[in-house]
Amino acid sequence: MKFNVGDRVKIKEYLEYNEIYRGVCVTDSMLKYCGKVVEIAEVNSSFDDRYILKGCENLWFHEDMLEPIKVETKKTSLEK
């Protein structure tokens, strides 16, 4: 499992209609979310590499369709 519930991820910019990511087929409904940053809502209990994303119509996305979001932290004056 690459991501956990609550993680923020970006849906890849360019998913191709009908392309299959390890058993998950890209549908028309998924294409409108390309490039969006969303939160993991649910991890599939049978396949840890599949996720439901908040605000994405309860569609299952494979982890290969997603990119991690880099979290930048502010440096304190002691770290400079």
N, C-alpha and C. Protein backbone atom coordinates (compact mmCIF):
# COMPACT_ATOMS: atom_id res chain seq x y z
N MET A 1 0.85 -1.18 0.00
CA MET A 1 0.00 0.00 0.00
C MET A 1 0.89 1.23 0.00
N LYS A 2 0.71 2.06 -1.00
CA LYS A 2 1.53 3.25 -1.18
C LYS A 2 0.97 4.45 -0.41
N PHE A 3 -0.36 4.53 -0.34
CA PHE A 3 -1.02 5.67 0.30
C PHE A 3 -1.95 5.19 1.41
N ASN A 4 -2.28 6.09 2.31
CA ASN A 4 -3.18 5.80 3.42
C ASN A 4 -4.36 6.76 3.40
N VAL A 5 -5.44 6.39 4.08
CA VAL A 5 -6.59 7.26 4.21
C VAL A 5 -6.11 8.58 4.80
N GLY A 6 -6.54 9.68 4.18
CA GLY A 6 -6.16 11.01 4.64
C GLY A 6 -5.00 11.62 3.87
N ASP A 7 -4.22 10.79 3.16
CA ASP A 7 -3.12 11.32 2.35
C ASP A 7 -3.69 12.15 1.20
N ARG A 8 -2.98 13.22 0.85
CA ARG A 8 -3.35 14.03 -0.30
C ARG A 8 -2.49 13.57 -1.47
N VAL A 9 -3.13 13.37 -2.61
CA VAL A 9 -2.45 12.90 -3.82
C VAL A 9 -2.94 13.72 -5.01
N LYS A 10 -2.19 13.64 -6.09
CA LYS A 10 -2.59 14.28 -7.34
C LYS A 10 -2.91 13.18 -8.35
N ILE A 11 -4.06 13.29 -8.97
CA ILE A 11 -4.40 12.36 -10.04
C ILE A 11 -3.56 12.77 -11.24
N LYS A 12 -2.91 11.83 -11.86
CA LYS A 12 -2.01 12.14 -12.97
C LYS A 12 -2.71 13.00 -14.03
N GLU A 13 -1.94 13.90 -14.61
CA GLU A 13 -2.46 14.85 -15.60
C GLU A 13 -3.03 14.13 -16.83
N TYR A 14 -2.34 13.09 -17.27
CA TYR A 14 -2.69 12.45 -18.53
C TYR A 14 -2.99 10.98 -18.35
N LEU A 15 -4.26 10.68 -18.11
CA LEU A 15 -4.72 9.31 -18.13
C LEU A 15 -5.44 9.12 -19.45
N GLU A 16 -5.27 7.98 -20.05
CA GLU A 16 -5.88 7.74 -21.35
C GLU A 16 -7.13 6.88 -21.19
N TYR A 17 -8.20 7.30 -21.82
CA TYR A 17 -9.46 6.56 -21.78
C TYR A 17 -9.24 5.10 -22.19
N ASN A 18 -9.80 4.20 -21.41
CA ASN A 18 -9.74 2.74 -21.61
C ASN A 18 -8.38 2.12 -21.28
N GLU A 19 -7.40 2.92 -20.89
CA GLU A 19 -6.12 2.35 -20.46
C GLU A 19 -6.35 1.60 -19.15
N ILE A 20 -5.65 0.47 -18.98
CA ILE A 20 -5.86 -0.35 -17.79
C ILE A 20 -4.62 -0.29 -16.90
N TYR A 21 -4.84 0.06 -15.65
CA TYR A 21 -3.79 0.11 -14.64
C TYR A 21 -4.00 -1.06 -13.69
N ARG A 22 -3.31 -2.16 -13.95
CA ARG A 22 -3.40 -3.36 -13.11
C ARG A 22 -4.84 -3.71 -12.71
N GLY A 23 -5.68 -3.78 -13.70
CA GLY A 23 -7.07 -4.19 -13.47
C GLY A 23 -8.06 -3.06 -13.32
N VAL A 24 -7.60 -1.82 -13.22
CA VAL A 24 -8.51 -0.68 -13.12
C VAL A 24 -8.50 0.06 -14.46
N CYS A 25 -9.65 0.10 -15.10
CA CYS A 25 -9.78 0.73 -16.42
C CYS A 25 -10.14 2.21 -16.26
N VAL A 26 -9.48 3.06 -17.01
CA VAL A 26 -9.78 4.50 -17.00
C VAL A 26 -11.09 4.73 -17.75
N THR A 27 -12.04 5.35 -17.07
CA THR A 27 -13.35 5.64 -17.64
C THR A 27 -13.48 7.13 -17.96
N ASP A 28 -14.51 7.47 -18.74
CA ASP A 28 -14.80 8.88 -19.01
C ASP A 28 -14.97 9.67 -17.72
N SER A 29 -15.63 9.07 -16.74
CA SER A 29 -15.87 9.75 -15.47
C SER A 29 -14.58 10.12 -14.75
N MET A 30 -13.54 9.32 -14.92
CA MET A 30 -12.25 9.58 -14.26
C MET A 30 -11.49 10.73 -14.91
N LEU A 31 -11.65 10.87 -16.22
CA LEU A 31 -10.84 11.83 -16.97
C LEU A 31 -11.02 13.27 -16.50
N LYS A 32 -12.20 13.62 -16.01
CA LYS A 32 -12.43 15.00 -15.57
C LYS A 32 -11.67 15.35 -14.29
N TYR A 33 -11.12 14.35 -13.61
CA TYR A 33 -10.37 14.60 -12.38
C TYR A 33 -8.86 14.67 -12.61
N CYS A 34 -8.41 14.44 -13.83
CA CYS A 34 -6.97 14.48 -14.12
C CYS A 34 -6.37 15.81 -13.68
N GLY A 35 -5.25 15.74 -12.96
CA GLY A 35 -4.55 16.93 -12.50
C GLY A 35 -5.05 17.48 -11.18
N LYS A 36 -6.12 16.95 -10.65
CA LYS A 36 -6.69 17.45 -9.39
C LYS A 36 -5.95 16.87 -8.18
N VAL A 37 -5.85 17.68 -7.14
CA VAL A 37 -5.30 17.23 -5.86
C VAL A 37 -6.49 16.86 -4.98
N VAL A 38 -6.46 15.65 -4.46
CA VAL A 38 -7.57 15.12 -3.68
C VAL A 38 -7.04 14.35 -2.47
N GLU A 39 -7.95 13.93 -1.63
CA GLU A 39 -7.60 13.18 -0.42
C GLU A 39 -8.08 11.74 -0.55
N ILE A 40 -7.27 10.81 -0.07
CA ILE A 40 -7.66 9.40 -0.06
C ILE A 40 -8.79 9.23 0.95
N ALA A 41 -9.91 8.69 0.50
CA ALA A 41 -11.07 8.48 1.37
C ALA A 41 -11.15 7.04 1.87
N GLU A 42 -10.73 6.10 1.01
CA GLU A 42 -10.86 4.68 1.36
C GLU A 42 -9.81 3.87 0.62
N VAL A 43 -9.31 2.84 1.30
CA VAL A 43 -8.38 1.89 0.69
C VAL A 43 -9.13 0.59 0.51
N ASN A 44 -9.04 -0.02 -0.65
CA ASN A 44 -9.72 -1.29 -0.91
C ASN A 44 -9.13 -2.36 -0.01
N SER A 45 -9.97 -3.04 0.75
CA SER A 45 -9.48 -4.03 1.70
C SER A 45 -8.92 -5.28 1.03
N SER A 46 -9.33 -5.55 -0.21
CA SER A 46 -8.83 -6.72 -0.93
C SER A 46 -7.60 -6.41 -1.77
N PHE A 47 -7.55 -5.19 -2.29
CA PHE A 47 -6.43 -4.76 -3.14
C PHE A 47 -5.91 -3.43 -2.59
N ASP A 48 -4.80 -3.47 -1.84
CA ASP A 48 -4.29 -2.27 -1.19
C ASP A 48 -3.81 -1.20 -2.15
N ASP A 49 -3.74 -1.51 -3.43
CA ASP A 49 -3.26 -0.53 -4.40
C ASP A 49 -4.39 0.22 -5.09
N ARG A 50 -5.62 0.11 -4.54
CA ARG A 50 -6.79 0.77 -5.13
C ARG A 50 -7.45 1.66 -4.09
N TYR A 51 -7.86 2.84 -4.55
CA TYR A 51 -8.33 3.86 -3.62
C TYR A 51 -9.57 4.56 -4.14
N ILE A 52 -10.43 4.97 -3.19
CA ILE A 52 -11.52 5.90 -3.48
C ILE A 52 -11.05 7.26 -2.99
N LEU A 53 -11.28 8.27 -3.79
CA LEU A 53 -10.80 9.62 -3.51
C LEU A 53 -11.98 10.53 -3.20
N LYS A 54 -11.82 11.41 -2.21
CA LYS A 54 -12.89 12.33 -1.84
C LYS A 54 -13.27 13.21 -3.03
N GLY A 55 -14.57 13.30 -3.27
CA GLY A 55 -15.07 14.16 -4.33
C GLY A 55 -14.97 13.58 -5.73
N CYS A 56 -14.68 12.29 -5.84
CA CYS A 56 -14.50 11.66 -7.16
C CYS A 56 -15.52 10.55 -7.40
N GLU A 57 -16.77 10.78 -7.03
CA GLU A 57 -17.89 9.89 -7.34
C GLU A 57 -17.72 8.44 -6.92
N ASN A 58 -16.98 8.17 -5.89
CA ASN A 58 -16.76 6.79 -5.43
C ASN A 58 -16.14 5.89 -6.49
N LEU A 59 -15.34 6.47 -7.37
CA LEU A 59 -14.61 5.70 -8.39
C LEU A 59 -13.34 5.13 -7.76
N TRP A 60 -12.98 3.91 -8.15
CA TRP A 60 -11.73 3.32 -7.68
C TRP A 60 -10.59 3.73 -8.60
N PHE A 61 -9.50 4.22 -8.02
CA PHE A 61 -8.29 4.58 -8.76
C PHE A 61 -7.16 3.67 -8.30
N HIS A 62 -6.34 3.24 -9.24
CA HIS A 62 -5.15 2.45 -8.91
C HIS A 62 -4.04 3.40 -8.51
N GLU A 63 -3.13 2.95 -7.64
CA GLU A 63 -2.05 3.83 -7.17
C GLU A 63 -1.17 4.34 -8.31
N ASP A 64 -1.08 3.61 -9.42
CA ASP A 64 -0.28 4.06 -10.56
C ASP A 64 -0.93 5.23 -11.30
N MET A 65 -2.19 5.53 -10.97
CA MET A 65 -2.88 6.68 -11.56
C MET A 65 -2.64 7.94 -10.73
N LEU A 66 -1.98 7.78 -9.59
CA LEU A 66 -1.82 8.87 -8.63
C LEU A 66 -0.36 9.23 -8.43
N GLU A 67 -0.14 10.48 -8.00
CA GLU A 67 1.20 10.94 -7.66
C GLU A 67 1.17 11.48 -6.23
N PRO A 68 2.23 11.23 -5.47
CA PRO A 68 2.28 11.79 -4.11
C PRO A 68 2.44 13.30 -4.17
N ILE A 69 1.92 13.97 -3.18
CA ILE A 69 2.08 15.41 -3.05
C ILE A 69 3.24 15.66 -2.10
N LYS A 70 4.19 16.44 -2.55
CA LYS A 70 5.33 16.75 -1.70
C LYS A 70 4.90 17.80 -0.68
N VAL A 71 5.11 17.49 0.59
CA VAL A 71 4.77 18.41 1.66
C VAL A 71 6.02 19.19 2.03
N GLU A 72 5.95 20.50 1.83
CA GLU A 72 7.09 21.34 2.16
C GLU A 72 6.91 21.87 3.58
N THR A 73 7.98 21.83 4.32
CA THR A 73 7.94 22.37 5.67
C THR A 73 8.76 23.63 5.72
N LYS A 74 8.33 24.58 6.54
CA LYS A 74 9.08 25.82 6.68
C LYS A 74 10.26 25.59 7.61
N LYS A 75 11.42 26.10 7.22
CA LYS A 75 12.58 25.99 8.06
C LYS A 75 12.52 27.02 9.17
N THR A 76 12.91 26.60 10.35
CA THR A 76 12.99 27.55 11.46
C THR A 76 14.34 28.24 11.40
N SER A 77 14.50 29.27 12.16
CA SER A 77 15.75 30.02 12.15
C SER A 77 16.92 29.15 12.60
N LEU A 78 16.67 28.11 13.37
CA LEU A 78 17.73 27.22 13.83
C LEU A 78 18.21 26.30 12.73
N GLU A 79 17.37 26.01 11.72
CA GLU A 79 17.71 25.09 10.66
C GLU A 79 18.47 25.77 9.51
N LYS A 80 18.52 27.06 9.48
CA LYS A 80 19.17 27.80 8.38
C LYS A 80 20.66 27.71 8.44
